[in-house]
Protein backbone atom coordinates (compact mmCIF):
# COMPACT_ATOMS: atom_id res chain seq x y z
CA UNK A 1 25.57 10.47 6.87
CA UNK A 2 28.85 8.68 6.90
CA UNK A 3 30.21 6.02 4.61
CA UNK A 4 30.35 2.44 5.91
CA UNK A 5 34.16 2.48 6.20
CA UNK A 6 35.67 5.99 6.41
CA UNK A 7 39.14 4.83 7.51
CA UNK A 8 41.53 4.65 4.52
CA UNK A 9 43.69 2.01 6.24
CA UNK A 10 40.75 -0.41 6.20
CA UNK A 11 39.51 0.33 2.67
CA UNK A 12 40.01 -2.73 0.41
CA UNK A 13 42.26 -2.62 -2.68
CA UNK A 14 44.41 0.36 -1.57
CA UNK A 15 48.14 0.17 -2.12
CA UNK A 16 50.87 1.35 0.27
CA UNK A 17 50.34 5.03 -0.72
CA UNK A 18 46.59 4.83 0.11
CA UNK A 19 45.59 5.23 -3.53
CA UNK A 20 43.60 2.97 -5.78
CA UNK A 21 45.56 0.87 -8.23
CA UNK A 22 44.70 1.33 -11.91
CA UNK A 23 41.36 -0.14 -12.92
CA UNK A 24 39.78 -0.36 -9.45
CA UNK A 25 36.86 1.83 -8.52
CA UNK A 26 36.26 3.38 -5.12
CA UNK A 27 33.65 1.81 -2.84
CA UNK A 28 30.07 2.92 -3.27
CA UNK A 29 28.40 5.38 -0.93
CA UNK A 30 26.69 4.12 2.18
CA UNK A 31 23.19 5.10 1.12
CA UNK A 32 20.92 7.62 -0.48
CA UNK A 33 19.33 10.45 1.44
CA UNK A 34 16.01 11.82 0.20
CA UNK A 35 14.62 11.79 -3.32
CA UNK A 36 15.48 14.02 -6.25
CA UNK A 37 11.89 15.07 -7.02
CA UNK A 38 8.41 14.32 -5.65
CA UNK A 39 6.69 11.18 -6.87
CA UNK A 40 3.66 11.76 -9.13
CA UNK A 41 0.23 10.94 -7.76
CA UNK A 42 -0.90 7.47 -8.83
CA UNK A 43 -4.00 7.69 -11.01
CA UNK A 44 -5.12 4.05 -10.86
CA UNK A 45 -8.37 3.35 -9.10
CA UNK A 46 -9.92 0.08 -8.02
CA UNK A 47 -12.56 -1.53 -10.17
CA UNK A 48 -16.14 -0.58 -9.51
CA UNK A 49 -18.88 -3.15 -8.90
CA UNK A 50 -19.85 -3.60 -12.59
CA UNK A 51 -16.81 -5.55 -13.83
CA UNK A 52 -17.19 -7.97 -10.90
CA UNK A 53 -20.91 -8.41 -11.64
CA UNK A 54 -20.16 -9.09 -15.32
CA UNK A 55 -17.48 -11.65 -14.47
CA UNK A 56 -19.81 -13.48 -12.06
CA UNK A 57 -22.64 -13.49 -14.64
CA UNK A 58 -20.29 -14.84 -17.31
CA UNK A 59 -19.07 -17.58 -14.97
CA UNK A 60 -22.66 -18.54 -14.10
CA UNK A 61 -23.63 -18.65 -17.79
CA UNK A 62 -20.65 -20.88 -18.68
CA UNK A 63 -21.35 -23.22 -15.75
CA UNK A 64 -25.05 -23.41 -16.69
CA UNK A 65 -24.09 -24.32 -20.27
CA UNK A 66 -21.70 -27.02 -19.05
CA UNK A 67 -24.32 -28.49 -16.72
CA UNK A 68 -26.86 -28.40 -19.58
CA UNK A 69 -24.42 -30.23 -21.88
CA UNK A 70 -23.89 -32.93 -19.26
CA UNK A 71 -27.65 -33.53 -18.92
CA UNK A 72 -28.16 -33.41 -22.70
CA UNK A 73 -25.43 -35.98 -23.38
CA UNK A 74 -26.62 -38.46 -20.73
């Protein structure tokens, strides 16, 4: 891999002696190659069918109660 601008004449902020003036930092590298260590296996799994069934039953119960309240109040 090469840096984006390897020519010292075209590097910004260099003085006449091709050195960095005090306080400036050199340009960053062009990129990163590879990873330092393998990523751990992700342990999350998708929900099974039971949480979805419980959510649907709860929604149906709440909607039935709301419909019942509307008929009771009218």
